[in-house]
Amino acid sequence: MEPVGSVTSGIAPRAAEPVDPAHLELLGVDPASVSGGAPFSAALSDAMDSLVQQSRHADSMVNDLAAGRHDDVIATMMAMNKASLSMTLALEVRNRVLDAYHDVMRMSV
């Protein structure tokens, strides 16, 4: 049986791949705000901030509609749907990351 170090010593580590700006725009993240130092963590942080902002905006629009401060039902529904879709996307990303993590943990070395 070979030691683990001899098996993995021939595998070269890969550099982190840059995040595609088109994907960032779909998540509501400004591509210019993602630095080269830690692109994934910065993109994740920006996406979560955007999710919270969209949710708060939808909540405020619902409250304003209920209080009679505006009467734009369509804009309120669109804001609610956008917040809902953002949350669904975030949950799907979380589920896929957890599935990938579990797959890696089940691998035998």
N, C-alpha and C. Protein backbone atom coordinates (compact mmCIF):
# COMPACT_ATOMS: atom_id res chain seq x y z
N MET A 1 0.84 -1.18 0.00
CA MET A 1 0.00 0.00 0.00
C MET A 1 0.88 1.23 0.00
N GLU A 2 0.60 2.18 -0.90
CA GLU A 2 1.40 3.39 -1.01
C GLU A 2 0.96 4.41 0.04
N PRO A 3 1.91 5.17 0.58
CA PRO A 3 1.52 6.24 1.48
C PRO A 3 0.74 7.31 0.72
N VAL A 4 -0.10 8.01 1.43
CA VAL A 4 -0.96 9.01 0.81
C VAL A 4 -0.14 10.10 0.13
N GLY A 5 0.95 10.53 0.72
CA GLY A 5 1.76 11.60 0.15
C GLY A 5 2.31 11.25 -1.22
N SER A 6 2.64 9.98 -1.45
CA SER A 6 3.20 9.60 -2.75
C SER A 6 2.14 9.59 -3.83
N VAL A 7 0.90 9.34 -3.47
CA VAL A 7 -0.18 9.33 -4.45
C VAL A 7 -0.55 10.74 -4.86
N THR A 8 -0.61 11.65 -3.89
CA THR A 8 -1.05 13.01 -4.18
C THR A 8 0.09 13.94 -4.58
N SER A 9 1.33 13.49 -4.49
CA SER A 9 2.44 14.38 -4.80
C SER A 9 2.51 14.73 -6.29
N GLY A 10 1.93 13.91 -7.16
CA GLY A 10 1.95 14.19 -8.59
C GLY A 10 0.82 15.10 -9.04
N ILE A 11 -0.06 15.47 -8.12
CA ILE A 11 -1.19 16.32 -8.48
C ILE A 11 -0.81 17.77 -8.21
N ALA A 12 -0.82 18.56 -9.26
CA ALA A 12 -0.47 19.97 -9.11
C ALA A 12 -1.70 20.75 -8.66
N PRO A 13 -1.55 21.64 -7.67
CA PRO A 13 -2.70 22.45 -7.25
C PRO A 13 -3.09 23.44 -8.34
N ARG A 14 -4.38 23.65 -8.49
CA ARG A 14 -4.87 24.59 -9.49
C ARG A 14 -5.09 25.94 -8.84
N ALA A 15 -4.83 26.96 -9.60
CA ALA A 15 -5.12 28.31 -9.12
C ALA A 15 -6.62 28.52 -9.16
N ALA A 16 -7.08 29.39 -8.29
CA ALA A 16 -8.51 29.70 -8.26
C ALA A 16 -8.92 30.34 -9.58
N GLU A 17 -10.01 29.85 -10.13
CA GLU A 17 -10.50 30.39 -11.39
C GLU A 17 -11.29 31.66 -11.12
N PRO A 18 -11.15 32.66 -11.98
CA PRO A 18 -11.90 33.89 -11.76
C PRO A 18 -13.40 33.67 -11.97
N VAL A 19 -14.17 34.47 -11.28
CA VAL A 19 -15.62 34.37 -11.38
C VAL A 19 -16.06 35.09 -12.65
N ASP A 20 -16.96 34.46 -13.41
CA ASP A 20 -17.47 35.05 -14.64
C ASP A 20 -18.35 36.24 -14.31
N PRO A 21 -18.06 37.43 -14.85
CA PRO A 21 -18.86 38.63 -14.55
C PRO A 21 -20.35 38.46 -14.89
N ALA A 22 -20.67 37.67 -15.90
CA ALA A 22 -22.08 37.45 -16.26
C ALA A 22 -22.81 36.74 -15.13
N HIS A 23 -22.14 35.80 -14.46
CA HIS A 23 -22.76 35.10 -13.34
C HIS A 23 -22.97 36.04 -12.17
N LEU A 24 -22.00 36.93 -11.95
CA LEU A 24 -22.14 37.89 -10.86
C LEU A 24 -23.33 38.82 -11.09
N GLU A 25 -23.51 39.25 -12.34
CA GLU A 25 -24.63 40.14 -12.63
C GLU A 25 -25.97 39.45 -12.42
N LEU A 26 -26.04 38.14 -12.68
CA LEU A 26 -27.28 37.39 -12.44
C LEU A 26 -27.59 37.33 -10.95
N LEU A 27 -26.56 37.34 -10.11
CA LEU A 27 -26.75 37.30 -8.67
C LEU A 27 -26.99 38.68 -8.07
N GLY A 28 -26.90 39.71 -8.91
CA GLY A 28 -27.10 41.07 -8.41
C GLY A 28 -25.85 41.65 -7.79
N VAL A 29 -24.67 41.13 -8.16
CA VAL A 29 -23.41 41.59 -7.61
C VAL A 29 -22.69 42.41 -8.67
N ASP A 30 -22.14 43.54 -8.26
CA ASP A 30 -21.38 44.39 -9.17
C ASP A 30 -20.03 43.73 -9.44
N PRO A 31 -19.73 43.35 -10.71
CA PRO A 31 -18.46 42.69 -11.01
C PRO A 31 -17.24 43.53 -10.65
N ALA A 32 -17.38 44.85 -10.66
CA ALA A 32 -16.25 45.72 -10.32
C ALA A 32 -15.91 45.66 -8.84
N SER A 33 -16.87 45.23 -8.01
CA SER A 33 -16.63 45.19 -6.56
C SER A 33 -15.86 43.95 -6.13
N VAL A 34 -15.71 42.98 -7.02
CA VAL A 34 -15.00 41.74 -6.67
C VAL A 34 -13.52 41.93 -6.95
N SER A 35 -12.74 41.80 -5.89
CA SER A 35 -11.29 41.99 -6.04
C SER A 35 -10.62 40.68 -6.42
N GLY A 36 -9.34 40.75 -6.79
CA GLY A 36 -8.60 39.56 -7.18
C GLY A 36 -8.13 38.73 -6.00
N GLY A 37 -8.19 39.26 -4.77
CA GLY A 37 -7.67 38.56 -3.60
C GLY A 37 -8.49 37.35 -3.21
N ALA A 38 -9.76 37.52 -3.04
CA ALA A 38 -10.63 36.43 -2.63
C ALA A 38 -11.94 36.55 -3.39
N PRO A 39 -11.96 36.20 -4.68
CA PRO A 39 -13.15 36.45 -5.49
C PRO A 39 -14.40 35.70 -5.02
N PHE A 40 -14.25 34.45 -4.60
CA PHE A 40 -15.44 33.70 -4.21
C PHE A 40 -16.06 34.26 -2.95
N SER A 41 -15.25 34.52 -1.94
CA SER A 41 -15.79 35.03 -0.69
C SER A 41 -16.39 36.42 -0.88
N ALA A 42 -15.75 37.25 -1.70
CA ALA A 42 -16.29 38.59 -1.96
C ALA A 42 -17.61 38.50 -2.73
N ALA A 43 -17.66 37.62 -3.72
CA ALA A 43 -18.89 37.45 -4.49
C ALA A 43 -20.01 36.90 -3.61
N LEU A 44 -19.69 35.97 -2.74
CA LEU A 44 -20.68 35.40 -1.83
C LEU A 44 -21.20 36.46 -0.87
N SER A 45 -20.30 37.25 -0.33
CA SER A 45 -20.68 38.32 0.59
C SER A 45 -21.57 39.35 -0.10
N ASP A 46 -21.19 39.76 -1.31
CA ASP A 46 -21.98 40.72 -2.07
C ASP A 46 -23.35 40.16 -2.42
N ALA A 47 -23.40 38.87 -2.77
CA ALA A 47 -24.68 38.24 -3.11
C ALA A 47 -25.60 38.19 -1.89
N MET A 48 -25.04 37.89 -0.73
CA MET A 48 -25.85 37.85 0.48
C MET A 48 -26.34 39.25 0.86
N ASP A 49 -25.48 40.26 0.70
CA ASP A 49 -25.90 41.64 0.95
C ASP A 49 -27.03 42.04 0.01
N SER A 50 -26.92 41.65 -1.25
CA SER A 50 -27.96 41.95 -2.23
C SER A 50 -29.26 41.25 -1.87
N LEU A 51 -29.17 40.02 -1.40
CA LEU A 51 -30.35 39.27 -0.98
C LEU A 51 -31.07 39.97 0.17
N VAL A 52 -30.30 40.41 1.16
CA VAL A 52 -30.88 41.11 2.30
C VAL A 52 -31.51 42.43 1.86
N GLN A 53 -30.82 43.15 0.98
CA GLN A 53 -31.33 44.43 0.49
C GLN A 53 -32.64 44.24 -0.29
N GLN A 54 -32.71 43.23 -1.14
CA GLN A 54 -33.93 42.97 -1.90
C GLN A 54 -35.08 42.60 -0.99
N SER A 55 -34.79 41.83 0.04
CA SER A 55 -35.84 41.43 0.98
C SER A 55 -36.36 42.64 1.76
N ARG A 56 -35.45 43.49 2.20
CA ARG A 56 -35.86 44.69 2.94
C ARG A 56 -36.66 45.63 2.05
N HIS A 57 -36.24 45.75 0.79
CA HIS A 57 -36.95 46.62 -0.14
C HIS A 57 -38.38 46.10 -0.37
N ALA A 58 -38.53 44.80 -0.55
CA ALA A 58 -39.86 44.22 -0.73
C ALA A 58 -40.71 44.43 0.51
N ASP A 59 -40.12 44.24 1.69
CA ASP A 59 -40.87 44.45 2.93
C ASP A 59 -41.34 45.89 3.06
N SER A 60 -40.46 46.83 2.72
CA SER A 60 -40.85 48.24 2.85
C SER A 60 -41.94 48.60 1.84
N MET A 61 -41.87 48.02 0.65
CA MET A 61 -42.91 48.30 -0.34
C MET A 61 -44.26 47.73 0.10
N VAL A 62 -44.27 46.55 0.70
CA VAL A 62 -45.51 45.97 1.22
C VAL A 62 -46.06 46.84 2.33
N ASN A 63 -45.20 47.28 3.24
CA ASN A 63 -45.65 48.13 4.34
C ASN A 63 -46.20 49.46 3.82
N ASP A 64 -45.51 50.04 2.82
CA ASP A 64 -45.99 51.30 2.24
C ASP A 64 -47.33 51.11 1.54
N LEU A 65 -47.49 49.99 0.86
CA LEU A 65 -48.76 49.70 0.19
C LEU A 65 -49.88 49.53 1.21
N ALA A 66 -49.60 48.81 2.28
CA ALA A 66 -50.61 48.58 3.32
C ALA A 66 -50.97 49.88 4.04
N ALA A 67 -49.99 50.76 4.20
CA ALA A 67 -50.23 52.03 4.90
C ALA A 67 -50.85 53.09 3.99
N GLY A 68 -50.92 52.82 2.70
CA GLY A 68 -51.51 53.76 1.76
C GLY A 68 -50.56 54.83 1.27
N ARG A 69 -49.25 54.65 1.50
CA ARG A 69 -48.27 55.65 1.05
C ARG A 69 -48.03 55.58 -0.46
N HIS A 70 -48.35 54.44 -1.06
CA HIS A 70 -48.34 54.32 -2.52
C HIS A 70 -49.37 53.27 -2.93
N ASP A 71 -49.73 53.28 -4.22
CA ASP A 71 -50.76 52.35 -4.67
C ASP A 71 -50.29 51.51 -5.86
N ASP A 72 -48.98 51.34 -5.99
CA ASP A 72 -48.43 50.57 -7.11
C ASP A 72 -48.32 49.10 -6.73
N VAL A 73 -49.41 48.38 -6.95
CA VAL A 73 -49.47 46.96 -6.59
C VAL A 73 -48.51 46.14 -7.46
N ILE A 74 -48.40 46.49 -8.71
CA ILE A 74 -47.55 45.72 -9.63
C ILE A 74 -46.08 45.81 -9.21
N ALA A 75 -45.60 47.01 -8.89
CA ALA A 75 -44.20 47.17 -8.46
C ALA A 75 -43.95 46.43 -7.15
N THR A 76 -44.95 46.45 -6.27
CA THR A 76 -44.81 45.74 -4.99
C THR A 76 -44.73 44.23 -5.23
N MET A 77 -45.57 43.72 -6.09
CA MET A 77 -45.54 42.28 -6.39
C MET A 77 -44.24 41.89 -7.09
N MET A 78 -43.75 42.76 -7.97
CA MET A 78 -42.47 42.46 -8.65
C MET A 78 -41.33 42.45 -7.65
N ALA A 79 -41.33 43.37 -6.70
CA ALA A 79 -40.28 43.39 -5.68
C ALA A 79 -40.36 42.14 -4.81
N MET A 80 -41.57 41.71 -4.48
CA MET A 80 -41.73 40.49 -3.68
C MET A 80 -41.25 39.27 -4.45
N ASN A 81 -41.59 39.19 -5.74
CA ASN A 81 -41.15 38.05 -6.55
C ASN A 81 -39.65 38.05 -6.74
N LYS A 82 -39.05 39.22 -6.92
CA LYS A 82 -37.60 39.30 -7.08
C LYS A 82 -36.91 38.83 -5.80
N ALA A 83 -37.41 39.25 -4.65
CA ALA A 83 -36.84 38.81 -3.38
C ALA A 83 -37.02 37.30 -3.19
N SER A 84 -38.17 36.79 -3.59
CA SER A 84 -38.43 35.36 -3.47
C SER A 84 -37.52 34.54 -4.37
N LEU A 85 -37.34 35.00 -5.61
CA LEU A 85 -36.44 34.30 -6.53
C LEU A 85 -35.00 34.35 -6.06
N SER A 86 -34.59 35.48 -5.50
CA SER A 86 -33.23 35.59 -4.97
C SER A 86 -33.02 34.62 -3.82
N MET A 87 -34.01 34.49 -2.96
CA MET A 87 -33.89 33.55 -1.84
C MET A 87 -33.86 32.11 -2.35
N THR A 88 -34.67 31.81 -3.35
CA THR A 88 -34.66 30.46 -3.93
C THR A 88 -33.31 30.15 -4.55
N LEU A 89 -32.74 31.12 -5.26
CA LEU A 89 -31.42 30.93 -5.86
C LEU A 89 -30.37 30.71 -4.79
N ALA A 90 -30.41 31.49 -3.72
CA ALA A 90 -29.44 31.34 -2.63
C ALA A 90 -29.56 29.96 -1.99
N LEU A 91 -30.79 29.48 -1.80
CA LEU A 91 -30.96 28.16 -1.21
C LEU A 91 -30.47 27.05 -2.14
N GLU A 92 -30.69 27.21 -3.43
CA GLU A 92 -30.20 26.21 -4.39
C GLU A 92 -28.68 26.19 -4.42
N VAL A 93 -28.05 27.35 -4.37
CA VAL A 93 -26.59 27.42 -4.35
C VAL A 93 -26.08 26.75 -3.08
N ARG A 94 -26.72 27.05 -1.95
CA ARG A 94 -26.32 26.42 -0.68
C ARG A 94 -26.46 24.90 -0.76
N ASN A 95 -27.57 24.42 -1.32
CA ASN A 95 -27.79 22.98 -1.43
C ASN A 95 -26.73 22.33 -2.31
N ARG A 96 -26.40 22.98 -3.41
CA ARG A 96 -25.38 22.40 -4.32
C ARG A 96 -24.00 22.39 -3.67
N VAL A 97 -23.68 23.44 -2.93
CA VAL A 97 -22.38 23.48 -2.24
C VAL A 97 -22.33 22.38 -1.18
N LEU A 98 -23.41 22.21 -0.43
CA LEU A 98 -23.42 21.15 0.58
C LEU A 98 -23.36 19.77 -0.05
N ASP A 99 -24.04 19.57 -1.15
CA ASP A 99 -23.96 18.28 -1.85
C ASP A 99 -22.54 18.00 -2.32
N ALA A 100 -21.88 19.02 -2.86
CA ALA A 100 -20.50 18.84 -3.31
C ALA A 100 -19.58 18.54 -2.14
N TYR A 101 -19.80 19.22 -1.03
CA TYR A 101 -19.00 18.97 0.18
C TYR A 101 -19.20 17.54 0.66
N HIS A 102 -20.44 17.09 0.69
CA HIS A 102 -20.71 15.71 1.13
C HIS A 102 -20.10 14.69 0.18
N ASP A 103 -20.13 14.98 -1.13
CA ASP A 103 -19.50 14.08 -2.09
C ASP A 103 -18.00 13.98 -1.86
N VAL A 104 -17.37 15.11 -1.57
CA VAL A 104 -15.93 15.10 -1.31
C VAL A 104 -15.64 14.35 -0.01
N MET A 105 -16.47 14.52 0.98
CA MET A 105 -16.23 13.84 2.26
C MET A 105 -16.44 12.33 2.14
N ARG A 106 -17.26 11.89 1.20
CA ARG A 106 -17.49 10.45 1.02
C ARG A 106 -16.40 9.77 0.18
N MET A 107 -15.57 10.58 -0.47
CA MET A 107 -14.51 9.99 -1.29
C MET A 107 -13.51 9.27 -0.42
N SER A 108 -13.09 8.12 -0.91
CA SER A 108 -12.02 7.40 -0.19
C SER A 108 -10.69 7.76 -0.82
N VAL A 109 -9.72 7.89 0.02
CA VAL A 109 -8.38 8.30 -0.46
C VAL A 109 -7.55 7.08 -0.73
